[in-house]
Amino acid sequence: MTIDVESRRLELDAILEHYGLGPENLELVEGFPDEPWRVAKCQKILKKIYIKKTITPEDKQAVLEDLKRFPEDIAPLEDDWLFLKHTMLKYVCSIQQRWQPDYECSKWAMYHMKQV
């Protein structure tokens, strides 16, 4: 099923608040015209996270395929809310720890997903 990100806005804002950020740090967008496979991205210096308003099953599957190279168990990310939570946390890490590579932020998000 398609993930309606807008319906989870309050929960996403709560995650931001937990990590010292605010609703102004999240913008829901229609998509990324130059990168149609992307579901989210961030601008680290501006402390801005962009997530698609609607994530299709195909979008989600593309992200999960990329994460399968991780040694961590990604099965929990089959759940739409946990997938969205992981996506948000990955970019929170990217903002707060700008020097970390994408892979490390994904690992950080997997750990913190259970904490928030």
N, C-alpha and C. Protein backbone atom coordinates (compact mmCIF):
# COMPACT_ATOMS: atom_id res chain seq x y z
N MET A 1 0.83 -1.19 0.00
CA MET A 1 0.00 0.00 0.00
C MET A 1 0.88 1.26 0.00
N THR A 2 0.33 2.31 -0.50
CA THR A 2 1.03 3.60 -0.55
C THR A 2 1.10 4.19 0.86
N ILE A 3 2.24 4.77 1.17
CA ILE A 3 2.43 5.41 2.48
C ILE A 3 2.03 6.87 2.35
N ASP A 4 1.02 7.27 3.14
CA ASP A 4 0.57 8.66 3.17
C ASP A 4 1.37 9.37 4.26
N VAL A 5 2.45 10.00 3.87
CA VAL A 5 3.37 10.63 4.81
C VAL A 5 2.69 11.79 5.56
N GLU A 6 1.84 12.53 4.86
CA GLU A 6 1.17 13.67 5.49
C GLU A 6 0.35 13.24 6.70
N SER A 7 -0.21 12.04 6.67
CA SER A 7 -1.03 11.58 7.80
C SER A 7 -0.16 11.25 9.02
N ARG A 8 1.14 11.18 8.85
CA ARG A 8 2.07 10.89 9.94
C ARG A 8 2.87 12.12 10.37
N ARG A 9 2.46 13.28 9.91
CA ARG A 9 3.22 14.50 10.16
C ARG A 9 3.46 14.76 11.65
N LEU A 10 2.46 14.61 12.49
CA LEU A 10 2.64 14.87 13.92
C LEU A 10 3.67 13.92 14.54
N GLU A 11 3.64 12.67 14.13
CA GLU A 11 4.62 11.70 14.65
C GLU A 11 6.03 12.03 14.17
N LEU A 12 6.14 12.47 12.93
CA LEU A 12 7.45 12.86 12.40
C LEU A 12 7.97 14.11 13.11
N ASP A 13 7.07 15.05 13.37
CA ASP A 13 7.46 16.25 14.12
C ASP A 13 7.94 15.90 15.53
N ALA A 14 7.30 14.91 16.15
CA ALA A 14 7.70 14.47 17.50
C ALA A 14 9.11 13.88 17.47
N ILE A 15 9.45 13.16 16.41
CA ILE A 15 10.81 12.62 16.28
C ILE A 15 11.80 13.77 16.16
N LEU A 16 11.48 14.74 15.33
CA LEU A 16 12.37 15.91 15.19
C LEU A 16 12.58 16.59 16.53
N GLU A 17 11.50 16.80 17.27
CA GLU A 17 11.58 17.45 18.56
C GLU A 17 12.46 16.66 19.54
N HIS A 18 12.34 15.35 19.49
CA HIS A 18 13.15 14.49 20.37
C HIS A 18 14.65 14.72 20.14
N TYR A 19 15.01 15.06 18.93
CA TYR A 19 16.43 15.26 18.59
C TYR A 19 16.80 16.74 18.46
N GLY A 20 16.00 17.62 19.06
CA GLY A 20 16.35 19.03 19.11
C GLY A 20 16.07 19.79 17.82
N LEU A 21 15.27 19.23 16.95
CA LEU A 21 14.89 19.92 15.73
C LEU A 21 13.41 20.26 15.82
N GLY A 22 12.87 20.94 14.82
CA GLY A 22 11.46 21.31 14.87
C GLY A 22 10.76 21.06 13.55
N PRO A 23 9.46 21.33 13.51
CA PRO A 23 8.68 21.10 12.30
C PRO A 23 9.20 21.87 11.08
N GLU A 24 9.86 22.97 11.35
CA GLU A 24 10.42 23.76 10.24
C GLU A 24 11.56 23.03 9.54
N ASN A 25 12.08 21.99 10.17
CA ASN A 25 13.17 21.21 9.57
C ASN A 25 12.68 20.13 8.61
N LEU A 26 11.36 19.98 8.50
CA LEU A 26 10.79 18.96 7.62
C LEU A 26 9.87 19.61 6.59
N GLU A 27 10.09 19.25 5.35
CA GLU A 27 9.20 19.70 4.28
C GLU A 27 8.74 18.48 3.49
N LEU A 28 7.43 18.36 3.34
CA LEU A 28 6.87 17.27 2.54
C LEU A 28 6.72 17.79 1.11
N VAL A 29 7.22 17.02 0.16
CA VAL A 29 7.26 17.45 -1.24
C VAL A 29 6.54 16.44 -2.13
N GLU A 30 6.20 16.88 -3.32
CA GLU A 30 5.53 16.00 -4.29
C GLU A 30 6.48 14.92 -4.79
N GLY A 31 7.73 15.25 -4.91
CA GLY A 31 8.72 14.31 -5.42
C GLY A 31 10.01 15.02 -5.75
N PHE A 32 10.90 14.28 -6.35
CA PHE A 32 12.21 14.80 -6.73
C PHE A 32 12.35 14.57 -8.24
N PRO A 33 12.00 15.58 -9.06
CA PRO A 33 11.94 15.41 -10.51
C PRO A 33 13.22 14.84 -11.14
N ASP A 34 14.36 15.24 -10.64
CA ASP A 34 15.62 14.76 -11.22
C ASP A 34 16.03 13.40 -10.65
N GLU A 35 15.36 12.96 -9.61
CA GLU A 35 15.68 11.69 -8.96
C GLU A 35 14.37 10.97 -8.59
N PRO A 36 13.66 10.45 -9.58
CA PRO A 36 12.33 9.88 -9.32
C PRO A 36 12.34 8.67 -8.37
N TRP A 37 13.46 8.01 -8.21
CA TRP A 37 13.56 6.86 -7.31
C TRP A 37 13.73 7.26 -5.86
N ARG A 38 14.00 8.51 -5.59
CA ARG A 38 14.29 8.99 -4.23
C ARG A 38 13.00 9.23 -3.46
N VAL A 39 13.00 8.83 -2.16
CA VAL A 39 11.84 9.09 -1.30
C VAL A 39 12.11 10.24 -0.34
N ALA A 40 13.39 10.55 -0.11
CA ALA A 40 13.73 11.62 0.83
C ALA A 40 15.17 12.06 0.59
N LYS A 41 15.47 13.25 1.09
CA LYS A 41 16.85 13.73 1.09
C LYS A 41 16.94 14.88 2.09
N CYS A 42 18.15 15.32 2.34
CA CYS A 42 18.30 16.45 3.27
C CYS A 42 19.38 17.39 2.79
N GLN A 43 19.29 18.60 3.30
CA GLN A 43 20.33 19.60 3.12
C GLN A 43 20.92 19.81 4.51
N LYS A 44 22.09 19.26 4.71
CA LYS A 44 22.69 19.22 6.04
C LYS A 44 22.91 20.60 6.65
N ILE A 45 23.48 21.50 5.89
CA ILE A 45 23.81 22.81 6.44
C ILE A 45 22.55 23.59 6.77
N LEU A 46 21.51 23.47 5.93
CA LEU A 46 20.24 24.15 6.18
C LEU A 46 19.39 23.43 7.22
N LYS A 47 19.82 22.23 7.61
CA LYS A 47 19.08 21.39 8.56
C LYS A 47 17.64 21.17 8.07
N LYS A 48 17.54 20.77 6.80
CA LYS A 48 16.23 20.60 6.19
C LYS A 48 16.11 19.18 5.63
N ILE A 49 15.01 18.51 5.99
CA ILE A 49 14.71 17.17 5.51
C ILE A 49 13.51 17.27 4.56
N TYR A 50 13.62 16.63 3.43
CA TYR A 50 12.54 16.60 2.44
C TYR A 50 12.10 15.15 2.27
N ILE A 51 10.81 14.91 2.42
CA ILE A 51 10.25 13.57 2.24
C ILE A 51 9.06 13.68 1.30
N LYS A 52 8.94 12.72 0.41
CA LYS A 52 7.79 12.70 -0.49
C LYS A 52 6.51 12.57 0.31
N LYS A 53 5.47 13.28 -0.10
CA LYS A 53 4.17 13.22 0.57
C LYS A 53 3.55 11.83 0.46
N THR A 54 3.81 11.18 -0.64
CA THR A 54 3.28 9.85 -0.88
C THR A 54 4.40 8.94 -1.35
N ILE A 55 4.57 7.83 -0.67
CA ILE A 55 5.61 6.86 -1.03
C ILE A 55 4.92 5.61 -1.55
N THR A 56 5.19 5.29 -2.80
CA THR A 56 4.55 4.12 -3.41
C THR A 56 5.26 2.83 -2.96
N PRO A 57 4.60 1.70 -3.12
CA PRO A 57 5.26 0.43 -2.80
C PRO A 57 6.55 0.24 -3.62
N GLU A 58 6.55 0.73 -4.85
CA GLU A 58 7.74 0.61 -5.69
C GLU A 58 8.89 1.47 -5.15
N ASP A 59 8.55 2.68 -4.69
CA ASP A 59 9.55 3.56 -4.08
C ASP A 59 10.17 2.87 -2.87
N LYS A 60 9.31 2.35 -2.03
CA LYS A 60 9.75 1.70 -0.80
C LYS A 60 10.63 0.50 -1.13
N GLN A 61 10.21 -0.31 -2.09
CA GLN A 61 10.97 -1.50 -2.46
C GLN A 61 12.36 -1.15 -2.97
N ALA A 62 12.47 -0.05 -3.72
CA ALA A 62 13.78 0.38 -4.23
C ALA A 62 14.72 0.73 -3.07
N VAL A 63 14.19 1.39 -2.06
CA VAL A 63 15.00 1.74 -0.89
C VAL A 63 15.41 0.46 -0.14
N LEU A 64 14.46 -0.44 0.04
CA LEU A 64 14.76 -1.69 0.76
C LEU A 64 15.80 -2.52 0.01
N GLU A 65 15.74 -2.53 -1.30
CA GLU A 65 16.74 -3.27 -2.09
C GLU A 65 18.14 -2.71 -1.83
N ASP A 66 18.24 -1.40 -1.74
CA ASP A 66 19.53 -0.77 -1.47
C ASP A 66 20.03 -1.12 -0.07
N LEU A 67 19.11 -1.24 0.88
CA LEU A 67 19.49 -1.52 2.28
C LEU A 67 19.84 -2.99 2.50
N LYS A 68 19.51 -3.87 1.56
CA LYS A 68 19.78 -5.30 1.74
C LYS A 68 21.26 -5.61 1.82
N ARG A 69 22.11 -4.67 1.44
CA ARG A 69 23.56 -4.90 1.56
C ARG A 69 24.04 -4.75 2.99
N PHE A 70 23.18 -4.27 3.86
CA PHE A 70 23.54 -4.09 5.27
C PHE A 70 23.56 -5.44 5.97
N PRO A 71 24.48 -5.60 6.91
CA PRO A 71 24.47 -6.84 7.70
C PRO A 71 23.31 -6.86 8.70
N GLU A 72 22.75 -5.69 9.01
CA GLU A 72 21.65 -5.61 9.97
C GLU A 72 20.38 -6.21 9.36
N ASP A 73 19.51 -6.67 10.24
CA ASP A 73 18.23 -7.20 9.82
C ASP A 73 17.32 -6.04 9.45
N ILE A 74 16.93 -5.97 8.18
CA ILE A 74 16.07 -4.87 7.75
C ILE A 74 14.60 -5.29 7.66
N ALA A 75 14.29 -6.51 8.08
CA ALA A 75 12.90 -6.99 8.01
C ALA A 75 11.90 -6.04 8.69
N PRO A 76 12.25 -5.41 9.82
CA PRO A 76 11.28 -4.49 10.44
C PRO A 76 10.85 -3.36 9.51
N LEU A 77 11.69 -3.03 8.52
CA LEU A 77 11.37 -1.91 7.63
C LEU A 77 10.28 -2.25 6.62
N GLU A 78 9.84 -3.50 6.61
CA GLU A 78 8.69 -3.86 5.77
C GLU A 78 7.44 -3.13 6.27
N ASP A 79 7.40 -2.85 7.58
CA ASP A 79 6.30 -2.10 8.17
C ASP A 79 6.41 -0.64 7.70
N ASP A 80 5.30 -0.11 7.19
CA ASP A 80 5.33 1.24 6.61
C ASP A 80 5.76 2.31 7.61
N TRP A 81 5.26 2.25 8.85
CA TRP A 81 5.62 3.26 9.84
C TRP A 81 7.10 3.16 10.20
N LEU A 82 7.60 1.94 10.38
CA LEU A 82 9.01 1.79 10.72
C LEU A 82 9.90 2.22 9.56
N PHE A 83 9.46 1.97 8.34
CA PHE A 83 10.19 2.43 7.16
C PHE A 83 10.29 3.96 7.17
N LEU A 84 9.17 4.60 7.42
CA LEU A 84 9.14 6.07 7.45
C LEU A 84 9.97 6.61 8.61
N LYS A 85 9.86 5.99 9.75
CA LYS A 85 10.63 6.39 10.93
C LYS A 85 12.13 6.26 10.66
N HIS A 86 12.54 5.15 10.06
CA HIS A 86 13.94 4.94 9.72
C HIS A 86 14.43 6.01 8.74
N THR A 87 13.60 6.33 7.74
CA THR A 87 13.96 7.35 6.77
C THR A 87 14.20 8.69 7.47
N MET A 88 13.28 9.05 8.35
CA MET A 88 13.42 10.32 9.09
C MET A 88 14.68 10.31 9.95
N LEU A 89 14.89 9.25 10.70
CA LEU A 89 16.04 9.19 11.59
C LEU A 89 17.37 9.20 10.84
N LYS A 90 17.40 8.57 9.68
CA LYS A 90 18.62 8.56 8.87
C LYS A 90 19.03 10.00 8.54
N TYR A 91 18.05 10.83 8.20
CA TYR A 91 18.38 12.21 7.85
C TYR A 91 18.59 13.09 9.07
N VAL A 92 17.99 12.76 10.19
CA VAL A 92 18.31 13.44 11.44
C VAL A 92 19.80 13.22 11.75
N CYS A 93 20.24 11.99 11.59
CA CYS A 93 21.65 11.67 11.81
C CYS A 93 22.53 12.45 10.82
N SER A 94 22.11 12.50 9.57
CA SER A 94 22.89 13.22 8.55
C SER A 94 23.06 14.69 8.91
N ILE A 95 22.05 15.27 9.52
CA ILE A 95 22.12 16.68 9.93
C ILE A 95 22.99 16.84 11.17
N GLN A 96 22.77 15.99 12.16
CA GLN A 96 23.48 16.15 13.43
C GLN A 96 24.92 15.66 13.38
N GLN A 97 25.19 14.73 12.51
CA GLN A 97 26.55 14.18 12.40
C GLN A 97 26.97 14.26 10.93
N ARG A 98 27.11 15.46 10.44
CA ARG A 98 27.33 15.71 9.01
C ARG A 98 28.49 14.93 8.41
N TRP A 99 29.45 14.57 9.19
CA TRP A 99 30.64 13.88 8.69
C TRP A 99 30.39 12.40 8.45
N GLN A 100 29.27 11.87 8.96
CA GLN A 100 28.99 10.44 8.82
C GLN A 100 28.54 10.10 7.40
N PRO A 101 29.04 8.99 6.85
CA PRO A 101 28.55 8.56 5.54
C PRO A 101 27.12 8.01 5.65
N ASP A 102 26.45 7.95 4.53
CA ASP A 102 25.07 7.49 4.45
C ASP A 102 24.86 6.14 5.15
N TYR A 103 25.79 5.24 4.93
CA TYR A 103 25.71 3.90 5.52
C TYR A 103 25.65 3.98 7.05
N GLU A 104 26.51 4.78 7.63
CA GLU A 104 26.55 4.91 9.09
C GLU A 104 25.27 5.55 9.63
N CYS A 105 24.72 6.49 8.89
CA CYS A 105 23.46 7.11 9.32
C CYS A 105 22.31 6.11 9.26
N SER A 106 22.33 5.24 8.28
CA SER A 106 21.30 4.19 8.21
C SER A 106 21.43 3.23 9.39
N LYS A 107 22.66 2.89 9.74
CA LYS A 107 22.88 2.02 10.92
C LYS A 107 22.41 2.72 12.19
N TRP A 108 22.75 3.99 12.33
CA TRP A 108 22.35 4.78 13.49
C TRP A 108 20.82 4.80 13.59
N ALA A 109 20.17 4.99 12.44
CA ALA A 109 18.70 5.04 12.40
C ALA A 109 18.10 3.69 12.82
N MET A 110 18.70 2.59 12.40
CA MET A 110 18.19 1.27 12.79
C MET A 110 18.22 1.12 14.32
N TYR A 111 19.29 1.58 14.94
CA TYR A 111 19.41 1.49 16.39
C TYR A 111 18.40 2.42 17.08
N HIS A 112 18.35 3.67 16.64
CA HIS A 112 17.51 4.66 17.30
C HIS A 112 16.01 4.47 17.02
N MET A 113 15.71 3.73 15.99
CA MET A 113 14.32 3.42 15.67
C MET A 113 13.62 2.75 16.85
N LYS A 114 14.39 1.97 17.58
CA LYS A 114 13.85 1.24 18.74
C LYS A 114 13.78 2.12 19.97
N GLN A 115 14.47 3.24 19.95
CA GLN A 115 14.56 4.12 21.12
C GLN A 115 13.46 5.18 21.17
N VAL A 116 12.95 5.57 20.00
CA VAL A 116 11.95 6.64 19.95
C VAL A 116 10.60 6.10 19.56
